[in-house]
Protein backbone atom coordinates (compact mmCIF):
# COMPACT_ATOMS: atom_id res chain seq x y z
CA MET A 1 3.95 -11.01 14.30
CA GLN A 2 2.77 -13.55 11.73
CA ALA A 3 -0.37 -14.31 13.74
CA GLY A 4 -1.19 -10.61 13.93
CA LEU A 5 -0.74 -10.14 10.18
CA LEU A 6 -2.94 -13.13 9.33
CA VAL A 7 -5.93 -11.73 11.23
CA LEU A 8 -5.16 -8.05 10.55
CA PRO A 9 -7.73 -7.46 7.76
CA PHE A 10 -10.50 -8.71 10.04
CA SER A 11 -9.37 -7.25 13.37
CA ALA A 12 -7.18 -4.19 13.48
CA LEU A 13 -6.83 -4.65 17.25
CA PHE A 14 -5.37 -8.16 17.05
CA GLY A 15 -3.13 -7.12 14.15
CA CYS A 16 -1.76 -4.12 16.05
CA VAL A 17 -1.30 -6.10 19.27
CA GLY A 18 0.66 -8.81 17.43
CA MET A 19 2.91 -6.21 15.83
CA ILE A 20 3.50 -4.21 19.03
CA VAL A 21 4.15 -7.29 21.20
CA ALA A 22 6.71 -8.61 18.71
CA ALA A 23 8.35 -5.16 18.49
CA ILE A 24 8.64 -4.87 22.28
CA ALA A 25 10.14 -8.37 22.53
CA VAL A 26 12.83 -7.54 19.96
CA TRP A 27 13.46 -4.13 21.54
CA ARG A 28 14.15 -5.75 24.93
CA GLN A 29 16.78 -7.98 23.35
CA ARG A 30 18.48 -5.50 21.01
CA SER A 31 17.71 -1.98 22.23
CA SER A 32 21.34 -0.81 22.14
CA GLN A 33 21.86 -2.17 18.61
CA ILE A 34 18.59 -0.65 17.42
CA MET A 35 19.35 2.83 18.78
CA ALA A 36 22.86 2.75 17.29
CA SER A 37 21.38 2.61 13.78
CA ARG A 38 21.48 5.96 11.99
CA ILE A 39 18.17 5.44 10.25
CA ASN A 40 16.52 4.65 13.57
CA GLN A 41 18.03 7.81 15.01
CA GLY A 42 16.48 9.64 12.07
CA PHE A 43 13.04 8.23 12.87
CA ALA A 44 13.50 9.21 16.53
CA LEU A 45 14.27 12.78 15.43
CA LEU A 46 11.22 12.75 13.16
CA ALA A 47 9.05 11.56 16.06
CA GLY A 48 10.31 14.47 18.15
CA LEU A 49 9.48 16.97 15.39
CA MET A 50 5.96 15.56 15.06
CA VAL A 51 5.36 15.76 18.81
CA PHE A 52 6.61 19.36 18.86
CA SER A 53 4.31 20.17 15.93
CA ALA A 54 1.35 18.69 17.81
CA ALA A 55 2.19 20.75 20.91
CA VAL A 56 1.83 24.01 18.95
CA ALA A 57 -1.02 22.84 16.68
CA GLU A 58 -4.18 24.80 16.01
CA HIS A 59 -6.27 21.88 17.30
CA ARG A 60 -3.98 20.05 19.74
CA GLY A 61 -6.33 17.20 20.59
CA ALA A 62 -6.66 16.16 16.96
CA ALA A 63 -2.91 16.58 16.42
CA PHE A 64 -1.90 14.35 19.34
CA LEU A 65 -4.46 11.76 18.21
CA GLY A 66 -2.90 11.88 14.73
CA LEU A 67 0.47 10.88 16.18
CA PHE A 68 -0.87 7.34 16.59
CA ASN A 69 -0.88 7.00 12.79
CA PHE A 70 2.91 7.44 12.77
CA LEU A 71 4.84 7.01 16.05
CA PRO A 72 3.91 3.35 16.78
CA TYR A 73 4.95 2.45 13.23
CA PHE A 74 8.30 4.19 13.62
CA PHE A 75 8.90 2.06 16.71
CA CYS A 76 7.83 -1.13 14.92
CA PHE A 77 10.07 -0.34 11.94
CA GLU A 78 13.05 0.11 14.25
CA SER A 79 12.33 -3.02 16.29
CA LEU A 80 11.02 -5.50 13.71
CA SER A 81 13.58 -4.94 10.95
CA PRO A 82 16.14 -7.19 12.72
CA LEU A 83 13.61 -10.06 12.54
CA ILE A 84 13.90 -10.29 8.74
CA GLN A 85 17.37 -11.77 8.25
CA THR A 86 16.92 -14.55 5.67
CA PRO A 87 15.20 -14.86 2.30
CA ALA A 88 12.94 -17.54 3.80
CA GLN A 89 11.72 -15.07 6.43
CA LEU A 90 11.10 -12.43 3.78
CA ARG A 91 9.13 -14.93 1.72
CA ARG A 92 7.07 -15.93 4.77
CA LEU A 93 6.34 -12.27 5.51
CA GLY A 94 5.04 -11.82 1.97
CA TRP A 95 2.95 -14.97 2.28
CA VAL A 96 1.18 -13.86 5.47
CA LEU A 97 0.46 -10.48 3.88
CA VAL A 98 -1.06 -11.97 0.72
CA VAL A 99 -3.01 -15.06 1.81
CA PRO A 100 -5.67 -13.25 3.93
CA SER A 101 -6.65 -11.26 0.83
CA VAL A 102 -8.46 -14.36 -0.46
CA LEU A 103 -11.08 -14.15 2.29
CA VAL A 104 -11.22 -10.35 2.02
CA CYS A 105 -12.01 -10.64 -1.70
CA LEU A 106 -14.61 -13.38 -1.18
CA ILE A 107 -16.41 -11.19 1.37
CA GLY A 108 -16.25 -8.34 -1.13
CA TYR A 109 -17.75 -10.47 -3.92
CA LEU A 110 -20.55 -11.53 -1.58
CA GLN A 111 -21.18 -7.86 -0.82
CA MET A 112 -21.47 -6.96 -4.51
CA LEU A 113 -23.60 -10.03 -5.30
CA LEU A 114 -26.11 -9.10 -2.60
CA CYS A 115 -26.09 -5.53 -3.89
CA TRP A 116 -26.84 -6.68 -7.44
CA LEU A 117 -29.63 -8.90 -6.11
CA GLY A 118 -31.24 -5.87 -4.51
CA TYR A 119 -30.25 -6.30 -0.87
CA GLN A 120 -29.60 -2.81 0.47
CA GLN A 121 -29.26 -3.40 4.22
CA PHE A 122 -26.43 -2.12 6.37
CA LEU A 123 -24.85 -4.74 8.62
CA HIS A 124 -22.96 -3.76 11.74
CA ILE A 125 -21.06 -6.82 12.92
CA GLN A 126 -19.61 -6.21 16.36
CA VAL A 127 -17.86 -8.67 18.67
CA LEU A 128 -16.52 -7.45 22.01
CA TRP A 129 -16.69 -3.84 20.82
CA ILE A 130 -13.28 -3.04 19.32
CA VAL A 131 -12.00 -6.61 18.75
CA ILE A 132 -14.09 -7.01 15.60
CA ASP A 133 -16.09 -4.04 14.39
CA TRP A 134 -17.20 -4.26 10.76
CA GLN A 135 -19.27 -1.52 9.18
CA TYR A 136 -20.50 -3.75 6.35
CA ASP A 137 -22.72 -1.95 3.84
CA LEU A 138 -24.27 -4.33 1.30
CA LYS A 139 -24.41 -1.49 -1.23
CA GLY A 140 -20.67 -0.93 -0.92
CA THR A 141 -19.01 2.22 0.38
CA PRO A 142 -19.60 4.42 -1.52
CA PRO A 143 -22.66 2.70 -3.09
CA GLY A 144 -21.84 0.47 -6.03
CA ARG A 145 -18.12 0.11 -5.17
CA MET A 146 -16.65 -2.88 -3.35
CA SER A 147 -15.32 -2.13 0.13
CA ALA A 148 -15.54 -5.62 1.75
CA VAL A 149 -14.49 -5.55 5.43
CA LEU A 150 -12.65 -2.24 5.02
CA THR A 151 -14.20 1.16 5.56
CA TYR A 152 -14.15 2.50 2.01
CA ALA A 153 -13.57 1.36 -1.56
CA ASN A 154 -10.31 3.31 -1.89
CA VAL A 155 -9.01 1.79 1.34
CA LEU A 156 -9.70 -1.68 -0.04
CA ALA A 157 -8.05 -0.67 -3.33
CA SER A 158 -4.87 0.43 -1.54
CA TYR A 159 -4.79 -2.89 0.34
CA LEU A 160 -5.25 -4.85 -2.87
CA VAL A 161 -2.49 -3.09 -4.83
CA ILE A 162 -0.10 -4.48 -2.19
CA THR A 163 -1.43 -8.03 -2.24
CA PHE A 164 -1.78 -8.06 -6.04
CA SER A 165 1.84 -6.94 -6.56
CA LEU A 166 3.20 -9.49 -4.09
CA GLY A 167 0.95 -12.18 -5.56
CA LEU A 168 2.40 -11.56 -9.01
CA GLY A 169 5.87 -12.22 -7.66
CA PHE A 170 4.82 -15.45 -5.94
CA TRP A 171 3.03 -16.65 -9.09
CA ILE A 172 6.02 -15.97 -11.33
CA GLU A 173 8.32 -17.67 -8.83
CA ALA A 174 6.05 -20.73 -8.74
CA ILE A 175 6.08 -20.92 -12.55
CA GLY A 176 9.88 -20.77 -12.60
CA ARG A 177 10.13 -23.48 -9.97
CA SER A 178 7.69 -25.67 -11.89
CA ARG A 179 9.65 -25.28 -15.12
CA LEU A 180 12.94 -26.14 -13.41
CA ALA A 181 11.31 -29.31 -12.08
CA GLY A 182 10.27 -30.20 -15.64
CA SER A 183 6.57 -30.38 -14.78
CA GLY A 184 5.40 -27.63 -17.15
CA VAL A 185 3.74 -24.36 -16.23
CA TRP A 186 0.56 -25.49 -14.53
CA ASN A 187 0.40 -27.45 -11.31
CA ARG A 188 -1.40 -27.05 -8.00
CA GLU A 189 0.87 -24.26 -6.78
CA THR A 190 0.82 -22.15 -9.93
CA THR A 191 -2.93 -22.64 -10.29
CA ALA A 192 -3.50 -21.56 -6.67
CA TRP A 193 -1.48 -18.37 -7.13
CA ALA A 194 -3.22 -17.66 -10.44
CA GLY A 195 -6.58 -18.02 -8.67
CA LEU A 196 -5.46 -15.60 -5.97
CA LEU A 197 -4.44 -13.08 -8.63
CA LEU A 198 -7.81 -13.43 -10.37
CA LEU A 199 -9.63 -12.83 -7.08
CA ASN A 200 -7.48 -9.79 -6.30
CA GLY A 201 -7.67 -8.43 -9.84
CA GLY A 202 -11.44 -8.75 -10.04
CA ALA A 203 -11.83 -7.09 -6.65
CA LEU A 204 -9.53 -4.27 -7.75
CA ILE A 205 -11.77 -3.65 -10.74
CA LEU A 206 -14.89 -3.59 -8.57
CA THR A 207 -13.41 -0.99 -6.20
CA ASN A 208 -13.77 1.35 -9.19
CA SER A 209 -10.52 3.09 -8.24
CA ARG A 210 -8.77 4.62 -11.25
CA ASN A 211 -5.62 4.95 -9.18
CA ALA A 212 -5.59 1.24 -8.35
CA TRP A 213 -6.35 0.27 -11.95
CA ALA A 214 -3.36 2.23 -13.24
CA ILE A 215 -1.04 0.89 -10.53
CA ALA A 216 -2.07 -2.73 -11.10
CA ALA A 217 -1.55 -2.36 -14.85
CA GLY A 218 1.84 -0.78 -14.18
CA ALA A 219 2.83 -3.64 -11.87
CA CYS A 220 1.89 -6.20 -14.53
CA PHE A 221 3.93 -4.31 -17.11
CA VAL A 222 7.00 -4.03 -14.86
CA PHE A 223 6.92 -7.74 -13.95
CA ALA A 224 6.44 -8.64 -17.62
CA VAL A 225 9.54 -6.64 -18.58
CA TYR A 226 11.49 -8.11 -15.66
CA VAL A 227 10.86 -11.74 -16.66
CA GLY A 228 10.73 -11.07 -20.42
CA TRP A 229 7.10 -12.03 -21.01
CA ARG A 230 6.42 -10.20 -24.25
CA TRP A 231 2.87 -11.56 -24.46
CA LEU A 232 1.98 -9.94 -21.14
CA ILE A 233 3.54 -6.64 -22.23
CA ALA A 234 1.39 -6.78 -25.37
CA VAL A 235 -1.78 -7.64 -23.44
CA VAL A 236 -1.30 -4.86 -20.87
CA GLY A 237 -0.43 -2.35 -23.58
CA PHE A 238 -3.43 -3.33 -25.69
CA VAL A 239 -5.94 -3.18 -22.81
CA VAL A 240 -4.67 0.12 -21.42
CA GLY A 241 -4.38 1.65 -24.89
CA ALA A 242 -7.91 0.58 -25.83
CA ILE A 243 -9.44 2.06 -22.66
CA LEU A 244 -7.53 5.34 -23.05
CA ALA A 245 -8.50 5.55 -26.72
CA ALA A 246 -12.16 4.97 -25.83
CA ALA A 247 -11.89 7.69 -23.20
CA PHE A 248 -9.82 10.37 -24.94
CA GLY A 249 -9.25 9.31 -28.54
CA PRO A 250 -10.62 10.96 -31.70
CA ILE A 251 -14.33 10.55 -32.35
CA SER A 252 -13.68 8.12 -35.19
CA ILE A 253 -11.88 5.82 -32.76
CA GLN A 254 -13.98 6.53 -29.67
CA GLN A 255 -17.33 5.46 -31.08
CA PRO A 256 -16.44 1.91 -32.19
CA LEU A 257 -14.36 1.29 -29.05
CA ARG A 258 -17.14 2.52 -26.76
CA THR A 259 -19.46 -0.08 -28.24
CA LEU A 260 -16.96 -2.81 -27.33
CA ILE A 261 -15.57 -1.54 -24.01
CA PRO A 262 -18.05 -1.19 -21.13
CA ALA A 263 -18.71 2.37 -19.97
CA PHE A 264 -17.74 1.16 -16.50
CA PHE A 265 -14.10 1.57 -17.61
CA TRP A 266 -13.84 4.48 -20.02
CA ALA A 267 -16.51 6.61 -18.31
CA ARG A 268 -14.69 6.16 -15.00
CA VAL A 269 -11.42 7.26 -16.60
CA THR A 270 -13.06 10.40 -18.00
CA ASP A 271 -14.99 10.89 -14.72
CA ASP A 272 -18.30 10.87 -16.63
CA LEU A 273 -19.68 8.38 -14.08
CA TYR A 274 -19.65 11.10 -11.42
CA PRO A 275 -20.41 14.40 -13.20
CA ASN A 276 -21.03 17.80 -11.64
CA ARG A 277 -19.20 17.10 -8.44
CA PRO A 278 -18.89 20.01 -5.96
CA VAL A 279 -15.66 21.96 -6.34
CA SER A 280 -14.74 21.20 -2.72
CA THR A 281 -14.60 17.47 -3.47
CA LEU A 282 -12.08 17.86 -6.31
CA ARG A 283 -8.51 16.84 -5.58
CA THR A 284 -7.11 19.96 -7.21
CA THR A 285 -9.08 22.13 -4.76
CA GLN A 286 -7.81 20.11 -1.80
CA TRP A 287 -4.21 20.22 -3.03
CA GLU A 288 -4.31 23.98 -3.52
CA PHE A 289 -5.65 24.47 0.01
CA ALA A 290 -3.01 22.17 1.53
CA TRP A 291 -0.30 24.02 -0.40
CA SER A 292 -1.54 27.36 0.96
CA LEU A 293 -1.56 25.95 4.52
CA MET A 294 2.07 24.93 4.12
CA TRP A 295 3.18 28.46 3.20
CA GLN A 296 1.31 29.92 6.17
CA ARG A 297 3.20 27.69 8.64
CA PRO A 298 6.21 26.19 6.84
CA GLY A 299 8.19 25.33 9.97
CA LEU A 300 5.99 23.10 12.13
CA GLY A 301 2.72 23.04 10.19
CA TRP A 302 -0.78 23.20 11.62
CA GLY A 303 -0.67 19.83 13.37
CA LEU A 304 -1.66 16.31 12.31
CA ARG A 305 -5.37 15.81 11.56
CA ASN A 306 -5.82 19.61 11.45
CA PHE A 307 -6.56 19.68 7.72
CA THR A 308 -10.14 18.54 8.33
CA PRO A 309 -11.34 21.37 10.63
CA LEU A 310 -9.41 23.98 8.63
CA TYR A 311 -10.88 22.80 5.33
CA GLN A 312 -14.35 22.67 6.82
CA ALA A 313 -13.99 26.24 8.12
CA GLN A 314 -12.88 27.39 4.65
CA THR A 315 -15.34 25.47 2.44
CA GLY A 316 -18.06 24.14 4.75
CA PHE A 317 -17.19 20.64 3.51
CA ILE A 318 -15.94 17.87 5.83
CA LEU A 319 -12.94 16.06 4.37
CA GLY A 320 -10.54 13.80 6.22
CA HIS A 321 -7.38 14.53 4.21
CA PRO A 322 -6.18 16.27 1.02
CA HIS A 323 -5.76 13.03 -1.01
CA ASN A 324 -1.97 13.40 -1.19
CA LEU A 325 0.33 12.23 1.60
CA PRO A 326 3.31 14.57 0.97
CA LEU A 327 1.00 17.59 0.72
CA MET A 328 -0.82 16.51 3.88
CA LEU A 329 2.45 16.27 5.78
CA LEU A 330 3.69 19.60 4.43
CA ALA A 331 0.52 21.30 5.66
CA GLU A 332 0.29 19.46 8.99
CA VAL A 333 3.87 18.95 10.23
CA GLY A 334 5.83 21.44 8.13
CA ILE A 335 8.61 21.30 5.57
CA PRO A 336 11.52 20.00 7.74
CA ALA A 337 9.59 17.01 9.13
CA THR A 338 8.16 16.15 5.71
CA LEU A 339 11.58 16.25 4.03
CA LEU A 340 13.00 14.10 6.83
CA PHE A 341 10.17 11.57 6.46
CA LEU A 342 10.58 11.35 2.69
CA GLY A 343 14.35 11.21 3.05
CA LEU A 344 14.24 8.29 5.50
CA VAL A 345 11.81 6.31 3.38
CA GLY A 346 13.86 7.13 0.27
CA TRP A 347 17.01 5.95 2.07
CA VAL A 348 15.41 2.59 2.83
CA PHE A 349 14.23 2.20 -0.76
CA ALA A 350 17.61 3.20 -2.20
CA GLU A 351 19.37 0.64 0.01
CA GLY A 352 16.82 -1.91 -1.17
CA ILE A 353 17.61 -1.15 -4.82
CA GLN A 354 21.33 -1.58 -4.15
CA TYR A 355 20.76 -4.89 -2.39
CA TRP A 356 18.56 -6.13 -5.24
CA GLN A 357 21.25 -5.17 -7.75
CA SER A 358 23.87 -7.02 -5.70
CA LEU A 359 21.73 -10.17 -5.90
CA GLY A 360 21.75 -9.80 -9.70
CA LYS A 361 25.55 -9.58 -9.76
CA LEU A 362 25.80 -12.79 -7.75
CA GLN A 363 23.60 -14.60 -10.25
CA LYS A 364 25.61 -13.30 -13.20
CA SER A 365 28.84 -14.55 -11.60
CA GLY A 366 27.64 -18.13 -11.95
CA GLN A 367 25.84 -18.75 -8.66
CA PRO A 368 22.71 -20.93 -8.86
CA GLU A 369 19.45 -19.28 -9.80
CA THR A 370 16.99 -18.79 -6.93
CA GLY A 371 13.73 -16.96 -6.41
CA ASP A 372 15.20 -14.73 -3.69
CA ARG A 373 15.88 -11.83 -6.04
CA LEU A 374 12.38 -12.08 -7.53
CA ILE A 375 10.66 -12.00 -4.13
CA TYR A 376 12.75 -9.03 -3.03
CA PHE A 377 11.84 -7.32 -6.32
CA SER A 378 8.18 -8.04 -5.51
CA PHE A 379 8.55 -6.23 -2.19
CA LEU A 380 10.05 -3.23 -3.98
CA ILE A 381 7.23 -3.14 -6.52
CA ALA A 382 4.55 -3.58 -3.85
CA PHE A 383 6.00 -0.69 -1.86
CA CYS A 384 6.19 1.44 -5.02
CA SER A 385 2.53 0.61 -5.62
CA ILE A 386 1.34 1.83 -2.21
CA ALA A 387 3.68 4.85 -2.40
CA ILE A 388 2.22 5.92 -5.75
CA PHE A 389 -1.28 5.33 -4.40
CA SER A 390 -0.52 7.76 -1.55
CA LEU A 391 0.05 10.53 -4.09
CA PHE A 392 -3.66 10.46 -4.92
CA ASP A 393 -5.22 9.24 -1.68
CA VAL A 394 -4.30 8.85 2.00
CA THR A 395 -5.37 5.53 3.51
CA LEU A 396 -2.92 5.24 6.42
CA PHE A 397 -5.69 6.16 8.89
CA ASP A 398 -6.81 2.53 8.64
CA ALA A 399 -4.27 0.31 10.41
CA ARG A 400 -5.23 -2.59 8.16
CA VAL A 401 -3.56 -0.74 5.28
CA ASN A 402 -0.94 1.20 7.23
CA ILE A 403 0.58 -1.92 8.78
CA PRO A 404 1.11 -3.81 5.47
CA GLY A 405 2.79 -0.72 4.01
CA TRP A 406 5.21 -0.53 6.93
CA MET A 407 5.80 -4.30 6.82
CA LEU A 408 6.95 -3.95 3.22
CA LEU A 409 9.42 -1.28 4.31
CA ILE A 410 10.52 -3.48 7.24
CA GLY A 411 11.13 -6.42 4.90
CA ILE A 412 13.09 -4.28 2.43
CA TRP A 413 15.30 -2.74 5.13
CA GLY A 414 15.70 -5.95 7.14
CA ARG A 415 17.29 -7.86 4.27
CA ALA A 416 19.31 -4.92 2.93
CA ASP A 417 20.65 -4.03 6.39
CA ARG A 418 21.45 -7.67 7.17
CA SER A 419 23.36 -7.96 3.90
CA ALA A 420 25.35 -4.83 4.75
CA GLU A 421 26.22 -6.24 8.19
CA CYS A 422 27.44 -9.49 6.59
CA ARG A 423 29.62 -7.57 4.13
CA VAL A 424 31.21 -5.53 6.92
CA SER A 425 31.83 -8.66 9.00
CA SER A 426 33.47 -10.49 6.09
CA GLU A 427 35.68 -7.48 5.31
CA LYS A 428 36.86 -7.26 8.94
CA SER A 429 37.64 -10.97 9.06
């Protein structure tokens, strides 16, 4: 599994194979235990509802193809959760998710540098067909926005909000460990994690994704409150406040701020960088159409991946999704399946919150301070980041983003479920 995750950003095939092979191996050893879990039974029921929805879909071929964006991940969640049983395993999982982002960002910076130097070629790097297949546009995709080895700037942005959030947790943990050792704040480890955050943060900015900017700022703010870093709270508040004031403040405030803050930021927030966009490309238009589709078929929906042909027939515009995951599911698989999906994910997250709180109670009762609670908190924040991102865009069609999102959920549930098993065992004994 670790090998697959390390190469995942550069080869979706190898990443998926590593995940599936590991899941099958665990399933063969613990199939009865896995199927006895209520949450796994819930995902099995959800899989059945999605298959039934595809069988009665408007465009059945597209609907059955869309199942591959969900069903394999349900199976991997069920099978791989038992692998994450110790804090060390959780920490290693976070490490293998974050470290490859360094090379992803460096490739992205090279892409933007060549773009700024005037190189406009399109590179198609292909090795053994599907093993490695990079559509690498030196202008960025869309032009002027970093996409690196991923298919689109927003897809890269969704990947980076995960790695940036986890990286923050590892950096803060390294600082705490350094202080406990009496060696000050800066050493090789803390400097390395700070460098990773700078690479990720700069790449996030160059994706030009307002959604990712807001999420990254929110993650910084939440971590700052968690560890009590008032200076970081002040910095985040000042930067965000200044950009919002330059974008929407009174004229007397706007004008001086707009001379100091690059238009790259405030004009993107106000959407002045991309004026006069067609109505069909606006998120509000897509959301209204998805909402109307839901009410036409509330039970089983129109079928996965059916939004695209239906939207094209209505507007003449080709669009892959409605830029909101819950609305997409409501339109494509119906209300019952969507509520079940959100309920299962919410159940995992709620159990994760309870487990994180229990770790805090142990520390308050006099047990030695460790970084386990901080790393688990980082997983919760990283999952929140990708979940919030899915309210404004849908990037799960790229396995290189879908897999990290599910691995966060696997890590959260693996530790929480293992803790619950230990509590039950101790109570019985």
